Each structure stands twice: as C-alpha cells, then as structure tokens.
C-alpha cells in the first residue's frame, strides 16, 4: 500500500510540473499505476482479517465506498477547476497523497497473520494455470472487466458530453457521476445487509 501511494505521489508531482501533454500523460499513467495497488491491497487486507460470511459482507461495504470514489473525484476536481483552475487539482492530489501516505504509515498494520511462504516459480505457474482454466474465475473476471469498462468509459467520456453538449459546469458534470455511483452503492449496500 505504501509503495503504491508513493508511486501515486510521484505521478501527481509529474502532473503538477508538466508543461505539455506528453508529460501530463506520463504522470497520469504513473498515478493510475500507483493508485491501482489500493484495490488489490484492500482485498488482501480483507482476506487476511476476515473469514466466511463476515468477509463477504465487509467486502460489499468496502466495495460500496470504492464504487463511489471514482464519482467523488470528478465532483471535487470539477469544483476546484471551476473556481481555481486545473493546475490546483494536481497540487491537491499531491497533498492528498502525502496525507494518505502518512496515515497509512501511522495506522495501517501488517495484516498477514501467518509467516511468509516462499513460492517457487513453478508453484506460481501451476496456480496461474489453475486460475486461467477455472470457469468461475474466467466468468467473474470477464463480468467485472465488462462492468468496469462500462463505468470507467462513462467517467472518461461523460464530462466532455455534459460540458460541451449540455453546457454543464465542471461541478455539475461531477455531480452527475455521483448519481451513477449511487446505484452501485445501493446494490453493494443490499449485498452487505444480506
């Protein structure tokens, strides 16, 4: 988690210092790479800390929050951009990353309760082969990929459509993403309660 946040901060600093589109794209790529560790690490922490039905309920609750975060970002970014300009967004992301790194270093303990097992390369390939050939893993992977593709396509294209075609402000466009995310949150909330 800490290395991911650190990579995210480096990407945010590159975005802040960029004077052209090329460095901005490189910075955004590094940001996304660092941020992507959050989802995987969160699932690992859940696996280490909870078991059975309790794990599934906790995962549904955390998934509801994670589903809302891609909507909250554009809303906050839209408000900041509307009133202070787009460069301040990168500055806010650097500060946010530093605060998250501090909180993670201070408050996030190691959750693995068992000693580290040294897996050799052959064992890793055997596990990967089992996963690739498992019908359920493939099916759920495709469904999650399809769902995420639809949702993130919306988040990447919708602001331009709302702003250019319907003349929304950046903050109004960000609010529309919150409406979309609320449906996902309601679904995860239902799963968490059952």
C-alpha atoms as a PDB file:
ATOM      1  CA  UNK A   1       0.000   0.000   0.000  1.00  0.00           C
ATOM      2  CA  UNK A   2       2.751   2.412   0.985  1.00  0.00           C
ATOM      3  CA  UNK A   3       4.752   1.853  -2.204  1.00  0.00           C
ATOM      4  CA  UNK A   4       1.584   2.342  -4.270  1.00  0.00           C
ATOM      5  CA  UNK A   5       0.814   5.639  -2.555  1.00  0.00           C
ATOM      6  CA  UNK A   6       4.417   6.763  -3.049  1.00  0.00           C
ATOM      7  CA  UNK A   7       4.220   5.977  -6.781  1.00  0.00           C
ATOM      8  CA  UNK A   8       0.903   7.880  -6.883  1.00  0.00           C
ATOM      9  CA  UNK A   9       2.584  10.939  -5.308  1.00  0.00           C
ATOM     10  CA  UNK A  10       5.399  10.810  -7.892  1.00  0.00           C
ATOM     11  CA  UNK A  11       2.813  10.703 -10.697  1.00  0.00           C
ATOM     12  CA  UNK A  12       0.908  13.608  -9.157  1.00  0.00           C
ATOM     13  CA  UNK A  13       4.094  15.687  -8.908  1.00  0.00           C
ATOM     14  CA  UNK A  14       4.824  14.991 -12.595  1.00  0.00           C
ATOM     15  CA  UNK A  15       1.298  16.164 -13.473  1.00  0.00           C
ATOM     16  CA  UNK A  16       1.794  19.303 -11.392  1.00  0.00           C
ATOM     17  CA  UNK A  17       5.122  20.114 -13.077  1.00  0.00           C
ATOM     18  CA  UNK A  18       4.059  19.184 -16.617  1.00  0.00           C
ATOM     19  CA  UNK A  19       4.241  21.901 -19.235  1.00  0.00           C
ATOM     20  CA  UNK A  20       2.972  19.739 -22.088  1.00  0.00           C
ATOM     21  CA  UNK A  21       0.521  16.965 -22.789  1.00  0.00           C
ATOM     22  CA  UNK A  22       3.202  14.222 -23.058  1.00  0.00           C
ATOM     23  CA  UNK A  23       4.493  14.662 -19.501  1.00  0.00           C
ATOM     24  CA  UNK A  24       0.913  15.012 -18.263  1.00  0.00           C
ATOM     25  CA  UNK A  25       0.003  11.632 -19.817  1.00  0.00           C
ATOM     26  CA  UNK A  26       3.108  10.019 -18.315  1.00  0.00           C
ATOM     27  CA  UNK A  27       2.236  11.485 -14.911  1.00  0.00           C
ATOM     28  CA  UNK A  28      -1.371  10.273 -15.167  1.00  0.00           C
ATOM     29  CA  UNK A  29      -0.168   6.773 -16.122  1.00  0.00           C
ATOM     30  CA  UNK A  30       2.141   6.667 -13.086  1.00  0.00           C
ATOM     31  CA  UNK A  31      -0.683   7.999 -10.881  1.00  0.00           C
ATOM     32  CA  UNK A  32      -3.030   5.246 -12.077  1.00  0.00           C
ATOM     33  CA  UNK A  33      -0.367   2.575 -11.606  1.00  0.00           C
ATOM     34  CA  UNK A  34       0.220   3.675  -8.016  1.00  0.00           C
ATOM     35  CA  UNK A  35      -3.483   4.056  -7.240  1.00  0.00           C
ATOM     36  CA  UNK A  36      -4.291   0.603  -8.622  1.00  0.00           C
ATOM     37  CA  UNK A  37      -2.498  -1.010  -5.689  1.00  0.00           C
ATOM     38  CA  UNK A  38      -5.258   0.290  -3.394  1.00  0.00           C
ATOM     39  CA  UNK A  39      -7.928  -2.046  -4.730  1.00  0.00           C
ATOM     40  CA  UNK A  40      -5.729  -5.147  -4.628  1.00  0.00           C
ATOM     41  CA  UNK A  41      -4.270  -4.324  -1.219  1.00  0.00           C
ATOM     42  CA  UNK A  42      -7.726  -3.657   0.219  1.00  0.00           C
ATOM     43  CA  UNK A  43      -8.880  -7.092  -0.900  1.00  0.00           C
ATOM     44  CA  UNK A  44      -5.749  -8.666   0.588  1.00  0.00           C
ATOM     45  CA  UNK A  45      -6.327  -6.902   3.913  1.00  0.00           C
ATOM     46  CA  UNK A  46      -9.914  -8.198   3.929  1.00  0.00           C
ATOM     47  CA  UNK A  47      -8.763 -11.733   3.177  1.00  0.00           C
ATOM     48  CA  UNK A  48      -6.199 -11.561   5.977  1.00  0.00           C
ATOM     49  CA  UNK A  49      -8.569 -10.014   8.529  1.00  0.00           C
ATOM     50  CA  UNK A  50     -11.966 -11.650   7.983  1.00  0.00           C
ATOM     51  CA  UNK A  51     -13.364 -15.066   7.107  1.00  0.00           C
ATOM     52  CA  UNK A  52     -16.562 -16.575   5.700  1.00  0.00           C
ATOM     53  CA  UNK A  53     -19.768 -14.556   5.561  1.00  0.00           C
ATOM     54  CA  UNK A  54     -18.247 -11.713   7.565  1.00  0.00           C
ATOM     55  CA  UNK A  55     -15.595 -11.254   4.835  1.00  0.00           C
ATOM     56  CA  UNK A  56     -18.241 -11.121   2.105  1.00  0.00           C
ATOM     57  CA  UNK A  57     -20.322  -8.558   3.987  1.00  0.00           C
ATOM     58  CA  UNK A  58     -17.268  -6.409   4.708  1.00  0.00           C
ATOM     59  CA  UNK A  59     -16.188  -6.652   1.076  1.00  0.00           C
ATOM     60  CA  UNK A  60     -19.640  -5.478  -0.062  1.00  0.00           C
ATOM     61  CA  UNK A  61     -19.436  -2.480   2.309  1.00  0.00           C
ATOM     62  CA  UNK A  62     -15.955  -1.513   1.167  1.00  0.00           C
ATOM     63  CA  UNK A  63     -16.943  -2.043  -2.476  1.00  0.00           C
ATOM     64  CA  UNK A  64     -19.754   0.474  -1.998  1.00  0.00           C
ATOM     65  CA  UNK A  65     -17.220   3.070  -0.869  1.00  0.00           C
ATOM     66  CA  UNK A  66     -14.807   2.132  -3.663  1.00  0.00           C
ATOM     67  CA  UNK A  67     -17.644   2.443  -6.192  1.00  0.00           C
ATOM     68  CA  UNK A  68     -18.321   5.991  -5.044  1.00  0.00           C
ATOM     69  CA  UNK A  69     -14.693   7.179  -5.142  1.00  0.00           C
ATOM     70  CA  UNK A  70     -14.446   7.465  -8.977  1.00  0.00           C
ATOM     71  CA  UNK A  71     -17.539   9.704  -8.842  1.00  0.00           C
ATOM     72  CA  UNK A  72     -16.391  11.808  -5.917  1.00  0.00           C
ATOM     73  CA  UNK A  73     -13.050  12.612  -7.578  1.00  0.00           C
ATOM     74  CA  UNK A  74     -14.546  14.306 -10.660  1.00  0.00           C
ATOM     75  CA  UNK A  75     -17.005  16.215  -8.464  1.00  0.00           C
ATOM     76  CA  UNK A  76     -14.254  17.615  -6.233  1.00  0.00           C
ATOM     77  CA  UNK A  77     -11.960  18.146  -9.225  1.00  0.00           C
ATOM     78  CA  UNK A  78     -14.753  19.905 -11.109  1.00  0.00           C
ATOM     79  CA  UNK A  79     -15.405  22.321  -8.259  1.00  0.00           C
ATOM     80  CA  UNK A  80     -11.681  23.056  -7.845  1.00  0.00           C
ATOM     81  CA  UNK A  81     -11.191  23.527 -11.595  1.00  0.00           C
ATOM     82  CA  UNK A  82     -14.236  25.753 -11.901  1.00  0.00           C
ATOM     83  CA  UNK A  83     -13.072  28.157  -9.192  1.00  0.00           C
ATOM     84  CA  UNK A  84      -9.263  27.841  -9.128  1.00  0.00           C
ATOM     85  CA  UNK A  85      -8.127  26.282 -12.428  1.00  0.00           C
ATOM     86  CA  UNK A  86      -6.969  22.820 -13.374  1.00  0.00           C
ATOM     87  CA  UNK A  87      -3.366  23.126 -12.072  1.00  0.00           C
ATOM     88  CA  UNK A  88      -4.597  23.335  -8.483  1.00  0.00           C
ATOM     89  CA  UNK A  89      -6.174  19.880  -8.876  1.00  0.00           C
ATOM     90  CA  UNK A  90      -2.704  18.326  -9.280  1.00  0.00           C
ATOM     91  CA  UNK A  91      -1.482  20.212  -6.219  1.00  0.00           C
ATOM     92  CA  UNK A  92      -4.454  18.933  -4.193  1.00  0.00           C
ATOM     93  CA  UNK A  93      -3.677  15.369  -5.365  1.00  0.00           C
ATOM     94  CA  UNK A  94      -0.039  15.691  -4.230  1.00  0.00           C
ATOM     95  CA  UNK A  95      -1.164  16.911  -0.793  1.00  0.00           C
ATOM     96  CA  UNK A  96      -3.844  14.206  -0.591  1.00  0.00           C
ATOM     97  CA  UNK A  97      -1.265  11.538  -1.476  1.00  0.00           C
ATOM     98  CA  UNK A  98       1.094  12.787   1.238  1.00  0.00           C
ATOM     99  CA  UNK A  99      -1.693  12.751   3.834  1.00  0.00           C
ATOM    100  CA  UNK A 100      -2.686   9.209   2.792  1.00  0.00           C
ATOM    101  CA  UNK A 101       0.920   8.030   2.966  1.00  0.00           C
ATOM    102  CA  UNK A 102       1.292   9.480   6.460  1.00  0.00           C
ATOM    103  CA  UNK A 103      -1.976   7.864   7.621  1.00  0.00           C
ATOM    104  CA  UNK A 104      -1.033   4.537   6.052  1.00  0.00           C
ATOM    105  CA  UNK A 105       2.422   4.507   7.651  1.00  0.00           C
ATOM    106  CA  UNK A 106       0.984   5.513  11.018  1.00  0.00           C
ATOM    107  CA  UNK A 107      -2.245   3.476  11.177  1.00  0.00           C
ATOM    108  CA  UNK A 108      -2.164   0.529   8.758  1.00  0.00           C
ATOM    109  CA  UNK A 109      -0.601  -2.530  10.415  1.00  0.00           C
ATOM    110  CA  UNK A 110       0.587  -5.654   8.660  1.00  0.00           C
ATOM    111  CA  UNK A 111      -2.479  -7.913   8.449  1.00  0.00           C
ATOM    112  CA  UNK A 112      -0.803 -11.148   7.406  1.00  0.00           C
ATOM    113  CA  UNK A 113      -1.049 -13.369  10.487  1.00  0.00           C
ATOM    114  CA  UNK A 114       0.931 -16.263   9.046  1.00  0.00           C
ATOM    115  CA  UNK A 115       4.610 -16.420   8.118  1.00  0.00           C
ATOM    116  CA  UNK A 116       5.537 -15.602   4.549  1.00  0.00           C
ATOM    117  CA  UNK A 117       5.708 -18.652   2.333  1.00  0.00           C
ATOM    118  CA  UNK A 118       8.358 -18.740  -0.318  1.00  0.00           C
ATOM    119  CA  UNK A 119       6.664 -19.808  -3.517  1.00  0.00           C
ATOM    120  CA  UNK A 120       8.919 -21.006  -6.272  1.00  0.00           C
ATOM    121  CA  UNK A 121       8.279 -20.048  -9.880  1.00  0.00           C
ATOM    122  CA  UNK A 122       6.896 -23.493 -10.760  1.00  0.00           C
ATOM    123  CA  UNK A 123       4.259 -23.268  -7.994  1.00  0.00           C
ATOM    124  CA  UNK A 124       3.246 -19.784  -9.149  1.00  0.00           C
ATOM    125  CA  UNK A 125       2.822 -21.051 -12.732  1.00  0.00           C
ATOM    126  CA  UNK A 126       0.721 -24.018 -11.505  1.00  0.00           C
ATOM    127  CA  UNK A 127      -1.573 -21.662  -9.570  1.00  0.00           C
ATOM    128  CA  UNK A 128      -1.820 -19.327 -12.578  1.00  0.00           C
ATOM    129  CA  UNK A 129      -2.684 -22.277 -14.854  1.00  0.00           C
ATOM    130  CA  UNK A 130      -5.446 -23.407 -12.460  1.00  0.00           C
ATOM    131  CA  UNK A 131      -6.879 -19.885 -12.384  1.00  0.00           C
ATOM    132  CA  UNK A 132      -6.749 -19.468 -16.169  1.00  0.00           C
ATOM    133  CA  UNK A 133      -8.539 -22.782 -16.702  1.00  0.00           C
ATOM    134  CA  UNK A 134     -11.143 -22.246 -13.964  1.00  0.00           C
ATOM    135  CA  UNK A 135     -14.563 -21.465 -15.454  1.00  0.00           C
ATOM    136  CA  UNK A 136     -15.729 -19.372 -12.496  1.00  0.00           C
ATOM    137  CA  UNK A 137     -12.547 -17.275 -12.407  1.00  0.00           C
ATOM    138  CA  UNK A 138     -12.816 -16.564 -16.134  1.00  0.00           C
ATOM    139  CA  UNK A 139     -16.551 -15.778 -15.957  1.00  0.00           C
ATOM    140  CA  UNK A 140     -16.291 -13.430 -12.991  1.00  0.00           C
ATOM    141  CA  UNK A 141     -13.153 -11.802 -14.425  1.00  0.00           C
ATOM    142  CA  UNK A 142     -14.952 -11.087 -17.707  1.00  0.00           C
ATOM    143  CA  UNK A 143     -18.052  -9.753 -15.930  1.00  0.00           C
ATOM    144  CA  UNK A 144     -16.002  -7.475 -13.671  1.00  0.00           C
ATOM    145  CA  UNK A 145     -13.945  -6.293 -16.647  1.00  0.00           C
ATOM    146  CA  UNK A 146     -17.089  -5.577 -18.671  1.00  0.00           C
ATOM    147  CA  UNK A 147     -18.755  -3.710 -15.806  1.00  0.00           C
ATOM    148  CA  UNK A 148     -15.632  -1.679 -15.047  1.00  0.00           C
ATOM    149  CA  UNK A 149     -15.170  -0.929 -18.742  1.00  0.00           C
ATOM    150  CA  UNK A 150     -18.696   0.485 -18.962  1.00  0.00           C
ATOM    151  CA  UNK A 151     -18.414   2.501 -15.742  1.00  0.00           C
ATOM    152  CA  UNK A 152     -14.984   3.957 -16.464  1.00  0.00           C
ATOM    153  CA  UNK A 153     -15.919   4.707 -20.074  1.00  0.00           C
ATOM    154  CA  UNK A 154     -18.755   6.763 -18.649  1.00  0.00           C
ATOM    155  CA  UNK A 155     -16.424   8.572 -16.240  1.00  0.00           C
ATOM    156  CA  UNK A 156     -13.955   9.374 -19.026  1.00  0.00           C
ATOM    157  CA  UNK A 157     -16.447  10.474 -21.715  1.00  0.00           C
ATOM    158  CA  UNK A 158     -19.473  11.833 -19.853  1.00  0.00           C
ATOM    159  CA  UNK A 159     -17.857  15.058 -18.548  1.00  0.00           C
ATOM    160  CA  UNK A 160     -16.994  16.146 -22.077  1.00  0.00           C
ATOM    161  CA  UNK A 161     -20.523  15.383 -23.280  1.00  0.00           C
ATOM    162  CA  UNK A 162     -22.189  17.155 -20.349  1.00  0.00           C
ATOM    163  CA  UNK A 163     -19.932  20.215 -20.637  1.00  0.00           C
ATOM    164  CA  UNK A 164     -19.765  20.517 -24.461  1.00  0.00           C
ATOM    165  CA  UNK A 165     -23.264  19.405 -25.466  1.00  0.00           C
ATOM    166  CA  UNK A 166     -25.397  20.338 -22.468  1.00  0.00           C
ATOM    167  CA  UNK A 167     -23.304  23.284 -21.194  1.00  0.00           C
ATOM    168  CA  UNK A 168     -22.957  21.949 -17.650  1.00  0.00           C
ATOM    169  CA  UNK A 169     -20.311  23.455 -15.388  1.00  0.00           C
ATOM    170  CA  UNK A 170     -17.462  21.189 -14.250  1.00  0.00           C
ATOM    171  CA  UNK A 171     -19.045  20.783 -10.812  1.00  0.00           C
ATOM    172  CA  UNK A 172     -22.482  19.939 -12.283  1.00  0.00           C
ATOM    173  CA  UNK A 173     -20.844  17.340 -14.515  1.00  0.00           C
ATOM    174  CA  UNK A 174     -19.099  15.843 -11.483  1.00  0.00           C
ATOM    175  CA  UNK A 175     -22.412  15.656  -9.642  1.00  0.00           C
ATOM    176  CA  UNK A 176     -23.879  13.531 -12.454  1.00  0.00           C
ATOM    177  CA  UNK A 177     -21.188  10.918 -11.778  1.00  0.00           C
ATOM    178  CA  UNK A 178     -22.344  10.778  -8.158  1.00  0.00           C
ATOM    179  CA  UNK A 179     -25.847   9.854  -9.329  1.00  0.00           C
ATOM    180  CA  UNK A 180     -24.440   6.958 -11.370  1.00  0.00           C
ATOM    181  CA  UNK A 181     -22.294   5.778  -8.445  1.00  0.00           C
ATOM    182  CA  UNK A 182     -25.253   5.865  -6.066  1.00  0.00           C
ATOM    183  CA  UNK A 183     -26.860   2.963  -7.963  1.00  0.00           C
ATOM    184  CA  UNK A 184     -23.752   0.857  -7.412  1.00  0.00           C
ATOM    185  CA  UNK A 185     -23.620   1.860  -3.754  1.00  0.00           C
ATOM    186  CA  UNK A 186     -27.246   0.825  -3.254  1.00  0.00           C
ATOM    187  CA  UNK A 187     -26.503  -2.572  -4.829  1.00  0.00           C
ATOM    188  CA  UNK A 188     -23.460  -3.159  -2.630  1.00  0.00           C
ATOM    189  CA  UNK A 189     -25.384  -1.945   0.412  1.00  0.00           C
ATOM    190  CA  UNK A 190     -28.085  -4.502  -0.312  1.00  0.00           C
ATOM    191  CA  UNK A 191     -25.480  -7.268  -0.596  1.00  0.00           C
ATOM    192  CA  UNK A 192     -23.833  -6.183   2.653  1.00  0.00           C
ATOM    193  CA  UNK A 193     -27.131  -6.415   4.531  1.00  0.00           C
ATOM    194  CA  UNK A 194     -27.985  -9.942   3.299  1.00  0.00           C
END
